């Protein structure tokens, strides 16, 4: 009896223990579900991330952002432009919008930076420094100028020292944590053993030479746009491969100074634009980016932040024959003189008043129709001699005695004008071929054509009559006696 009671009690206790275990399992299940929901909620893409784009006018900033947005017709604003890029994470089925601020290329708009890069936005902002290959001689100066302007603005931000230092350490850690795609699963990779140590004290290791000499605490990406213009530089300005290598090594050294990545892009030929989009989402949202560094194609260079160092840059030095790596940039990549003429503004030409122009033309035409003008002036192309034709009723005195000089000059001009007319000459007249009275030794060419003999004789007779009347004839002496 006692044994039966003990057995019953043990069965009852076993049932209660089992029930308690089921309750505990249910609690653990709900706890795990809640934890999973909380983790998934914390893994959502943040919506407070920003990209600040700096660069000169005509550097292709607006076109580049439109390409990242997938917009075909970019619309340029003024001052400080704002846009956004849709970002989607397919693995977590999540999406968000990345805010983009594009500052005008005029440094006078630098005061607008306070709206795009405020103390609240500072830890969540990535900066793109943009320069165009269409002006290779100005690439380095433009990058340095905008980086200095950005540094001045960051120094003036009212940030506490802890926040500033945390942002700088985060940039250094990102640089040191970079691994080549495919090496992240191989702990024995030489790259990870040497320059990408996995030890806990890796943050305390010194950075390679030249890296982060200027640490702004901001993620920086240098973008060289319009690289399709390299072919034009080769054809029109005789650029060689060593010129492009010289430019690249200077730009890469600049990127090391700020811990920046480097992208050569061409929106026209769609080079590296999609990779730039993936790289931005990788740096901002930690989405995967599995593209290695690309340095073979000179117009499609891609160098992620953390990959480069001075030793790798030194490979470019082997191709520099007519220059050295430390030569002054503008001495080697000099601005051509023809470019200044192209950009020079044309002088505006003021049109003459219409009535004044017509008055001048009328004066010129009136002078051409003046019959008193010298025949040599009216016929400048003619080289024939000016002929003096004597009057048929009177012999001209070469000394001018007993003659009217003005009338004879008019008559000579009249006959000379007749000789130079294209209407022809009358038979037997002065200048006719075979006429004994012809004056001059050079032959006179007269165009064939109908001759108005009556009109020409009438004109000549009228002129002769005028000359005769102009001569003074003494009146007859009536007192004298005449003999028969």
Protein backbone atom coordinates (compact mmCIF):
# COMPACT_ATOMS: atom_id res chain seq x y z
CA UNK A 1 0.00 0.00 0.00
CA UNK A 2 2.78 2.30 0.92
CA UNK A 3 4.69 1.35 -2.22
CA UNK A 4 1.68 2.21 -4.32
CA UNK A 5 1.35 5.62 -2.71
CA UNK A 6 5.03 6.38 -3.27
CA UNK A 7 4.75 5.36 -6.92
CA UNK A 8 1.70 7.58 -7.38
CA UNK A 9 3.46 10.55 -5.85
CA UNK A 10 6.51 10.07 -8.05
CA UNK A 11 4.35 9.96 -11.15
CA UNK A 12 2.60 13.15 -10.07
CA UNK A 13 5.91 14.94 -9.47
CA UNK A 14 7.21 13.78 -12.84
CA UNK A 15 4.17 15.18 -14.57
CA UNK A 16 4.56 18.50 -12.81
CA UNK A 17 8.26 18.69 -13.74
CA UNK A 18 7.44 17.95 -17.34
CA UNK A 19 4.74 20.61 -17.39
CA UNK A 20 7.15 23.12 -15.89
CA UNK A 21 9.73 22.29 -18.59
CA UNK A 22 7.12 22.86 -21.32
CA UNK A 23 6.29 26.24 -19.84
CA UNK A 24 9.98 27.14 -19.73
CA UNK A 25 10.42 26.07 -23.35
CA UNK A 26 7.48 28.23 -24.40
CA UNK A 27 8.96 31.18 -22.56
CA UNK A 28 12.31 30.60 -24.24
CA UNK A 29 10.59 30.35 -27.63
CA UNK A 30 8.82 33.65 -27.16
CA UNK A 31 12.00 35.21 -25.87
CA UNK A 32 13.92 34.06 -28.93
CA UNK A 33 11.20 35.41 -31.23
CA UNK A 34 11.24 38.76 -29.45
CA UNK A 35 15.03 38.86 -29.59
CA UNK A 36 14.96 38.10 -33.31
CA UNK A 37 12.43 40.86 -33.93
CA UNK A 38 14.51 43.28 -31.93
CA UNK A 39 17.64 42.34 -33.82
CA UNK A 40 15.91 42.65 -37.17
CA UNK A 41 14.58 46.05 -36.12
CA UNK A 42 18.04 47.25 -35.17
CA UNK A 43 19.45 45.97 -38.48
CA UNK A 44 17.16 48.13 -40.58
CA UNK A 45 18.89 50.55 -42.92
CA UNK A 46 19.19 53.93 -41.19
CA UNK A 47 17.54 56.94 -42.79
CA UNK A 48 19.84 59.66 -41.46
CA UNK A 49 22.83 59.07 -43.77
CA UNK A 50 24.17 61.81 -46.06
CA UNK A 51 26.56 62.34 -48.97
CA UNK A 52 28.19 65.73 -49.51
CA UNK A 53 29.54 66.40 -53.04
CA UNK A 54 32.22 69.06 -53.55
CA UNK A 55 33.89 70.11 -56.80
CA UNK A 56 34.34 72.88 -59.34
CA UNK A 57 31.68 73.91 -61.84
CA UNK A 58 31.62 71.76 -65.00
CA UNK A 59 33.20 68.87 -63.08
CA UNK A 60 30.14 66.65 -63.68
CA UNK A 61 28.77 66.56 -60.10
CA UNK A 62 25.09 66.82 -61.07
CA UNK A 63 25.45 64.36 -63.94
CA UNK A 64 27.20 61.85 -61.68
CA UNK A 65 24.49 62.00 -59.02
CA UNK A 66 21.80 61.66 -61.70
CA UNK A 67 23.60 58.54 -62.94
CA UNK A 68 23.60 57.08 -59.43
CA UNK A 69 19.89 57.89 -59.15
CA UNK A 70 19.12 56.32 -62.53
CA UNK A 71 17.80 59.63 -63.90
CA UNK A 72 18.33 60.32 -67.60
CA UNK A 73 17.71 64.08 -67.57
CA UNK A 74 19.67 65.75 -64.75
CA UNK A 75 18.49 69.19 -63.66
CA UNK A 76 21.13 71.49 -62.25
CA UNK A 77 20.25 73.80 -59.40
CA UNK A 78 22.16 76.63 -57.78
CA UNK A 79 23.75 77.26 -54.43
CA UNK A 80 23.19 74.02 -52.52
CA UNK A 81 21.33 71.28 -54.37
CA UNK A 82 19.52 68.47 -52.60
CA UNK A 83 18.68 65.04 -53.98
CA UNK A 84 18.31 61.49 -52.71
CA UNK A 85 19.31 58.01 -53.87
CA UNK A 86 17.10 54.98 -53.27
CA UNK A 87 19.03 52.22 -51.46
CA UNK A 88 17.70 48.68 -51.17
CA UNK A 89 18.98 45.68 -49.24
CA UNK A 90 17.62 42.54 -50.89
CA UNK A 91 18.95 40.23 -48.18
CA UNK A 92 16.88 41.92 -45.48
CA UNK A 93 14.15 43.14 -47.83
CA UNK A 94 14.64 46.68 -46.63
CA UNK A 95 15.06 50.02 -48.34
CA UNK A 96 15.81 53.62 -47.45
CA UNK A 97 16.80 56.95 -48.97
CA UNK A 98 20.32 58.34 -48.99
CA UNK A 99 20.35 62.15 -48.85
CA UNK A 100 22.74 63.92 -51.24
CA UNK A 101 23.92 67.53 -50.95
CA UNK A 102 25.71 69.10 -53.94
CA UNK A 103 27.50 72.39 -53.26
CA UNK A 104 27.92 74.94 -56.07
CA UNK A 105 31.40 75.09 -57.58
CA UNK A 106 31.87 78.72 -56.58
CA UNK A 107 33.83 78.81 -53.29
CA UNK A 108 31.74 81.84 -52.37
CA UNK A 109 28.92 79.44 -51.49
CA UNK A 110 31.01 77.77 -48.77
CA UNK A 111 28.81 79.38 -46.13
CA UNK A 112 26.03 76.99 -47.21
CA UNK A 113 28.02 74.04 -45.87
CA UNK A 114 26.51 74.61 -42.44
CA UNK A 115 23.20 73.24 -43.73
CA UNK A 116 24.65 70.08 -45.27
CA UNK A 117 27.37 69.32 -42.72
CA UNK A 118 26.05 70.27 -39.29
CA UNK A 119 27.30 68.83 -35.98
CA UNK A 120 24.30 66.46 -35.92
CA UNK A 121 24.98 65.15 -39.44
CA UNK A 122 28.76 64.96 -39.06
CA UNK A 123 29.02 61.33 -37.84
CA UNK A 124 26.65 60.16 -40.59
CA UNK A 125 28.17 61.93 -43.64
CA UNK A 126 30.39 60.73 -46.48
CA UNK A 127 32.18 63.32 -48.66
CA UNK A 128 32.88 63.00 -52.38
CA UNK A 129 35.58 65.23 -53.88
CA UNK A 130 34.96 65.50 -57.63
CA UNK A 131 37.28 66.71 -60.42
CA UNK A 132 37.02 66.29 -64.21
CA UNK A 133 39.60 64.85 -66.62
CA UNK A 134 38.73 67.58 -69.13
CA UNK A 135 41.09 69.89 -67.21
CA UNK A 136 43.89 67.53 -66.10
CA UNK A 137 46.27 70.40 -65.33
CA UNK A 138 43.88 71.61 -62.59
CA UNK A 139 42.98 68.23 -61.05
CA UNK A 140 45.36 68.31 -58.10
CA UNK A 141 44.81 71.99 -57.32
CA UNK A 142 41.04 71.53 -57.29
CA UNK A 143 41.20 68.51 -54.97
CA UNK A 144 43.52 70.30 -52.58
CA UNK A 145 41.42 73.45 -52.62
CA UNK A 146 38.16 71.67 -51.77
CA UNK A 147 39.84 69.49 -49.15
CA UNK A 148 41.24 72.60 -47.47
CA UNK A 149 37.83 74.29 -47.57
CA UNK A 150 36.25 71.18 -46.04
CA UNK A 151 38.93 71.04 -43.34
CA UNK A 152 38.32 74.67 -42.39
CA UNK A 153 34.59 74.00 -42.04
CA UNK A 154 35.17 70.86 -39.91
CA UNK A 155 37.54 72.71 -37.60
CA UNK A 156 34.90 75.38 -36.97
CA UNK A 157 32.14 72.87 -36.13
CA UNK A 158 31.14 72.94 -32.45
CA UNK A 159 31.97 69.27 -31.85
CA UNK A 160 33.08 67.93 -28.50
CA UNK A 161 36.48 66.27 -28.42
CA UNK A 162 35.06 62.79 -27.69
CA UNK A 163 32.84 62.81 -30.78
CA UNK A 164 35.63 64.12 -32.99
CA UNK A 165 38.10 61.53 -31.70
CA UNK A 166 35.61 58.66 -32.08
CA UNK A 167 34.98 59.60 -35.71
CA UNK A 168 38.71 59.70 -36.43
CA UNK A 169 39.28 56.30 -34.82
CA UNK A 170 36.37 54.85 -36.80
CA UNK A 171 38.03 55.97 -40.06
CA UNK A 172 41.34 54.39 -39.06
CA UNK A 173 39.61 51.14 -38.12
CA UNK A 174 37.81 51.00 -41.47
CA UNK A 175 41.15 51.41 -43.22
CA UNK A 176 42.81 48.67 -41.18
CA UNK A 177 39.86 46.28 -41.52
CA UNK A 178 39.95 46.27 -45.31
CA UNK A 179 40.53 42.87 -46.87
CA UNK A 180 40.70 41.79 -50.48
CA UNK A 181 37.53 40.04 -51.71
CA UNK A 182 38.07 36.31 -51.15
CA UNK A 183 40.61 36.78 -48.35
CA UNK A 184 38.04 37.31 -45.61
CA UNK A 185 37.56 33.52 -45.33
CA UNK A 186 41.28 32.72 -45.34
CA UNK A 187 42.92 33.60 -42.01
CA UNK A 188 46.28 32.56 -43.45
CA UNK A 189 46.21 35.04 -46.28
CA UNK A 190 49.52 36.96 -46.53
CA UNK A 191 47.57 40.18 -46.88
CA UNK A 192 45.74 39.61 -43.61
CA UNK A 193 48.92 38.47 -41.81
CA UNK A 194 50.98 41.49 -42.79
CA UNK A 195 48.92 44.63 -43.25
CA UNK A 196 45.47 43.53 -42.05
CA UNK A 197 46.17 41.93 -38.68
CA UNK A 198 43.27 40.36 -36.84
CA UNK A 199 44.74 40.77 -33.37
CA UNK A 200 42.80 42.70 -30.81
CA UNK A 201 45.53 45.31 -30.61
CA UNK A 202 45.48 45.98 -34.38
CA UNK A 203 44.10 49.46 -33.76
CA UNK A 204 47.30 50.35 -31.96
CA UNK A 205 49.51 49.44 -34.91
CA UNK A 206 51.00 52.42 -36.78
CA UNK A 207 49.46 53.25 -40.12
CA UNK A 208 51.54 52.91 -43.29
CA UNK A 209 53.60 55.90 -44.32
CA UNK A 210 51.59 58.75 -45.84
CA UNK A 211 48.20 57.39 -44.70
CA UNK A 212 45.86 59.71 -42.76
CA UNK A 213 48.31 62.55 -42.48
CA UNK A 214 45.08 64.60 -42.38
CA UNK A 215 42.27 62.76 -40.62
CA UNK A 216 39.05 64.78 -40.85
CA UNK A 217 36.95 62.10 -39.15
CA UNK A 218 34.92 61.83 -42.37
CA UNK A 219 34.70 59.06 -44.94
CA UNK A 220 36.14 60.54 -48.18
CA UNK A 221 35.91 59.27 -51.76
CA UNK A 222 37.77 61.00 -54.63
CA UNK A 223 35.96 60.73 -57.97
CA UNK A 224 37.62 61.67 -61.28
CA UNK A 225 34.85 62.17 -63.86
CA UNK A 226 34.78 62.37 -67.68
CA UNK A 227 37.62 59.88 -68.16
CA UNK A 228 36.41 59.29 -71.73
CA UNK A 229 38.21 62.59 -72.51
CA UNK A 230 41.56 60.80 -72.17
CA UNK A 231 41.41 59.76 -75.83
CA UNK A 232 41.01 63.41 -76.81
CA UNK A 233 44.03 64.34 -74.69
CA UNK A 234 46.06 61.72 -76.53
CA UNK A 235 45.03 62.89 -79.99
CA UNK A 236 44.95 66.66 -79.58
CA UNK A 237 47.52 67.29 -76.83
CA UNK A 238 49.93 64.39 -77.40
CA UNK A 239 49.45 62.83 -73.94
CA UNK A 240 51.29 59.56 -73.38
CA UNK A 241 50.76 56.76 -70.88
CA UNK A 242 53.44 58.25 -68.64
CA UNK A 243 51.42 61.48 -68.37
CA UNK A 244 48.39 59.56 -67.11
CA UNK A 245 50.58 57.51 -64.74
CA UNK A 246 52.13 60.73 -63.44
CA UNK A 247 48.65 62.15 -62.73
CA UNK A 248 47.45 58.92 -61.12
CA UNK A 249 50.37 58.64 -58.70
CA UNK A 250 49.84 62.22 -57.52
CA UNK A 251 46.11 61.64 -57.02
CA UNK A 252 46.69 58.37 -55.17
CA UNK A 253 49.17 60.06 -52.84
CA UNK A 254 46.53 62.69 -52.15
CA UNK A 255 44.01 59.94 -51.37
CA UNK A 256 46.42 58.33 -48.90
CA UNK A 257 46.74 61.64 -47.07
CA UNK A 258 42.98 61.74 -46.37
CA UNK A 259 42.41 57.96 -46.21
CA UNK A 260 40.13 58.18 -49.27
CA UNK A 261 39.03 55.74 -51.93
CA UNK A 262 39.54 56.56 -55.62
CA UNK A 263 37.21 56.06 -58.59
CA UNK A 264 37.72 56.99 -62.26
CA UNK A 265 34.25 57.31 -63.81
CA UNK A 266 32.60 58.22 -67.10
CA UNK A 267 28.85 58.81 -67.10
CA UNK A 268 28.95 59.04 -70.91
CA UNK A 269 30.43 55.54 -71.31
CA UNK A 270 28.97 54.22 -68.02
CA UNK A 271 32.34 53.30 -66.51
CA UNK A 272 32.51 52.48 -62.79
CA UNK A 273 29.23 54.29 -62.03
CA UNK A 274 27.47 51.15 -60.82
CA UNK A 275 30.55 50.15 -58.81
CA UNK A 276 30.64 53.59 -57.21
CA UNK A 277 27.01 53.14 -56.12
CA UNK A 278 27.83 49.77 -54.54
CA UNK A 279 30.91 51.18 -52.85
CA UNK A 280 28.93 54.05 -51.32
CA UNK A 281 26.32 51.68 -49.90
CA UNK A 282 29.15 49.51 -48.59
CA UNK A 283 30.87 52.37 -46.76
CA UNK A 284 27.65 53.93 -45.45
CA UNK A 285 25.39 50.90 -44.77
CA UNK A 286 28.01 48.10 -44.56
CA UNK A 287 26.44 46.28 -47.51
CA UNK A 288 28.76 43.81 -49.25
CA UNK A 289 31.26 45.05 -51.85
CA UNK A 290 33.18 42.26 -53.54
CA UNK A 291 35.05 44.10 -56.31
CA UNK A 292 38.84 44.15 -55.97
CA UNK A 293 41.06 47.11 -56.80
CA UNK A 294 41.33 47.87 -60.54
CA UNK A 295 44.48 49.63 -61.77
CA UNK A 296 45.06 48.11 -65.21
CA UNK A 297 42.74 50.27 -67.31
CA UNK A 298 43.91 53.87 -67.09
CA UNK A 299 40.37 55.30 -67.58
CA UNK A 300 38.62 52.96 -65.10
CA UNK A 301 40.78 52.99 -61.97
CA UNK A 302 39.12 51.73 -58.77
CA UNK A 303 40.99 51.77 -55.45
CA UNK A 304 39.03 51.07 -52.25
CA UNK A 305 40.14 52.83 -49.08
CA UNK A 306 42.60 50.60 -47.21
CA UNK A 307 44.08 48.85 -50.25
CA UNK A 308 46.69 51.33 -51.42
CA UNK A 309 50.13 52.22 -50.06
CA UNK A 310 53.28 53.96 -51.27
CA UNK A 311 54.87 50.68 -52.36
CA UNK A 312 51.99 49.94 -54.73
CA UNK A 313 52.07 53.48 -56.05
CA UNK A 314 55.80 53.03 -56.74
CA UNK A 315 54.95 50.58 -59.53
CA UNK A 316 53.84 53.54 -61.62
CA UNK A 317 57.28 55.12 -61.33
CA UNK A 318 58.75 52.52 -63.67
CA UNK A 319 56.83 54.00 -66.60
CA UNK A 320 58.00 57.58 -66.01
CA UNK A 321 60.78 58.23 -68.54
CA UNK A 322 60.81 61.98 -69.22
CA UNK A 323 59.77 63.04 -65.70
CA UNK A 324 60.20 62.12 -62.05
CA UNK A 325 57.45 61.41 -59.50
CA UNK A 326 58.26 64.49 -57.44
CA UNK A 327 58.22 66.96 -60.34
CA UNK A 328 55.90 69.91 -59.90
CA UNK A 329 52.50 68.83 -61.18
CA UNK A 330 51.73 71.92 -63.30
CA UNK A 331 55.18 71.78 -64.94
CA UNK A 332 54.52 68.30 -66.34
CA UNK A 333 50.76 68.59 -66.91
CA UNK A 334 50.79 72.14 -68.26
CA UNK A 335 47.73 73.98 -69.49
CA UNK A 336 47.88 74.35 -73.31
CA UNK A 337 47.84 77.86 -74.71
CA UNK A 338 45.07 77.00 -77.19
CA UNK A 339 42.72 76.35 -74.32
CA UNK A 340 42.87 79.98 -73.26
CA UNK A 341 41.72 81.06 -76.69
CA UNK A 342 38.84 78.65 -76.63
CA UNK A 343 37.45 79.91 -73.36
CA UNK A 344 38.07 83.58 -74.14
CA UNK A 345 34.90 85.57 -74.50
CA UNK A 346 34.26 86.94 -77.98
CA UNK A 347 34.22 90.71 -78.39
CA UNK A 348 30.75 92.03 -79.03
CA UNK A 349 30.44 93.87 -82.36
CA UNK A 350 28.10 96.85 -82.50
CA UNK A 351 26.10 96.97 -85.73
CA UNK A 352 26.10 100.26 -87.68
CA UNK A 353 22.88 102.18 -87.93
CA UNK A 354 20.94 101.10 -90.99
CA UNK A 355 20.30 104.61 -92.31
CA UNK A 356 23.94 105.65 -91.89
CA UNK A 357 25.06 102.54 -93.77
CA UNK A 358 22.65 103.22 -96.64
CA UNK A 359 23.78 106.87 -96.81
CA UNK A 360 27.39 105.77 -97.25
CA UNK A 361 26.45 103.35 -99.99
CA UNK A 362 24.46 106.07 -101.74
CA UNK A 363 27.47 108.41 -101.63
CA UNK A 364 29.70 105.71 -103.14
CA UNK A 365 27.21 105.00 -105.93
CA UNK A 366 26.80 108.71 -106.67
CA UNK A 367 30.57 109.07 -107.05
CA UNK A 368 30.67 106.18 -109.48
CA UNK A 369 27.99 107.78 -111.66
CA UNK A 370 29.69 111.24 -111.80
CA UNK A 371 30.74 111.84 -115.43
CA UNK A 372 33.27 114.49 -114.37
CA UNK A 373 35.30 111.93 -112.44
CA UNK A 374 38.69 110.98 -113.76
CA UNK A 375 38.48 107.92 -116.01
CA UNK A 376 41.37 106.34 -114.24
CA UNK A 377 39.43 106.49 -110.95
CA UNK A 378 36.31 104.96 -112.48
CA UNK A 379 38.34 102.31 -114.26
CA UNK A 380 41.02 101.41 -111.76
CA UNK A 381 41.56 98.05 -113.36
CA UNK A 382 42.35 99.61 -116.75
CA UNK A 383 45.95 100.40 -117.68
CA UNK A 384 45.27 102.07 -121.03
CA UNK A 385 46.58 105.60 -121.71
CA UNK A 386 44.45 108.72 -121.37
CA UNK A 387 43.98 110.11 -124.89
CA UNK A 388 43.66 113.75 -125.82
CA UNK A 389 41.49 114.15 -128.95
CA UNK A 390 41.74 117.42 -130.92
CA UNK A 391 38.69 119.29 -132.05
CA UNK A 392 37.83 118.73 -135.77
CA UNK A 393 37.23 122.48 -136.35
CA UNK A 394 40.30 123.77 -134.58
CA UNK A 395 43.81 122.63 -133.85
CA UNK A 396 44.70 122.64 -130.20
CA UNK A 397 47.69 124.71 -129.25
CA UNK A 398 49.91 122.61 -127.06
CA UNK A 399 50.88 125.71 -125.10
CA UNK A 400 47.23 126.58 -124.56
CA UNK A 401 47.41 129.95 -126.46
CA UNK A 402 44.07 131.15 -127.79
CA UNK A 403 42.16 128.25 -126.26
CA UNK A 404 39.92 127.74 -123.31
CA UNK A 405 41.80 125.32 -121.03
CA UNK A 406 38.72 124.37 -119.05
CA UNK A 407 36.65 123.65 -122.17
CA UNK A 408 39.37 121.61 -123.81
CA UNK A 409 39.87 119.63 -120.62
CA UNK A 410 36.18 118.85 -120.49
CA UNK A 411 36.25 117.83 -124.15
CA UNK A 412 39.26 115.60 -123.58
CA UNK A 413 37.58 113.94 -120.63
CA UNK A 414 34.41 113.49 -122.68
CA UNK A 415 36.21 111.75 -125.54
CA UNK A 416 38.27 109.65 -123.17
CA UNK A 417 35.08 108.48 -121.48
CA UNK A 418 33.68 107.58 -124.89
CA UNK A 419 36.76 105.52 -125.69
CA UNK A 420 36.41 103.56 -122.41
CA UNK A 421 32.71 102.84 -122.83
CA UNK A 422 31.84 99.28 -123.72
CA UNK A 423 29.28 100.32 -126.29
CA UNK A 424 31.93 100.41 -129.03
CA UNK A 425 33.36 103.19 -131.28
CA UNK A 426 32.12 104.67 -134.52
CA UNK A 427 33.96 103.84 -137.73
CA UNK A 428 36.70 106.29 -138.50
CA UNK A 429 36.54 107.90 -135.08
CA UNK A 430 39.50 108.40 -132.78
CA UNK A 431 40.85 105.14 -131.50
CA UNK A 432 39.37 103.11 -134.38
CA UNK A 433 41.71 100.52 -135.84
CA UNK A 434 43.53 101.80 -138.88
CA UNK A 435 42.60 105.47 -138.33
CA UNK A 436 45.54 107.77 -139.07
CA UNK A 437 44.35 110.31 -136.49
CA UNK A 438 44.58 107.82 -133.65
CA UNK A 439 46.69 108.95 -130.78
CA UNK A 440 48.71 106.57 -128.63
CA UNK A 441 50.89 103.59 -129.26
CA UNK A 442 49.21 100.88 -127.18
CA UNK A 443 46.28 99.09 -128.77
CA UNK A 444 42.84 99.89 -127.37
CA UNK A 445 40.43 97.03 -126.85
CA UNK A 446 36.79 98.00 -127.47
CA UNK A 447 34.01 95.49 -126.91
CA UNK A 448 31.83 94.71 -129.89
CA UNK A 449 28.29 95.97 -129.71
CA UNK A 450 25.69 98.21 -131.40
CA UNK A 451 26.80 101.82 -131.93
CA UNK A 452 24.43 104.79 -131.61
CA UNK A 453 26.21 107.03 -134.11
CA UNK A 454 23.64 109.84 -134.04
CA UNK A 455 23.73 110.20 -130.28
CA UNK A 456 27.52 110.19 -130.09
CA UNK A 457 27.89 112.75 -132.88
CA UNK A 458 25.24 114.92 -131.28
CA UNK A 459 27.11 114.91 -127.98
CA UNK A 460 30.39 115.76 -129.67
CA UNK A 461 28.82 118.56 -131.72
CA UNK A 462 27.18 120.05 -128.66
CA UNK A 463 30.46 120.08 -126.78
CA UNK A 464 32.32 121.64 -129.70
CA UNK A 465 29.61 124.26 -130.09
CA UNK A 466 29.92 125.15 -126.44
CA UNK A 467 33.68 125.56 -126.72
CA UNK A 468 33.28 127.77 -129.83
CA UNK A 469 30.80 130.05 -128.10
CA UNK A 470 33.04 130.37 -125.12
CA UNK A 471 35.84 131.86 -127.28
CA UNK A 472 35.71 135.65 -127.50
CA UNK A 473 35.43 136.97 -131.19
CA UNK A 474 36.21 140.71 -131.63
CA UNK A 475 33.33 142.74 -133.16
CA UNK A 476 33.84 144.14 -136.74
CA UNK A 477 35.15 147.74 -137.12
CA UNK A 478 32.26 149.70 -138.74
CA UNK A 479 34.34 152.89 -139.25
CA UNK A 480 36.86 151.22 -141.51
CA UNK A 481 36.27 151.48 -145.23
CA UNK A 482 36.28 148.34 -147.31
CA UNK A 483 37.65 148.15 -150.75
CA UNK A 484 35.91 146.29 -153.54
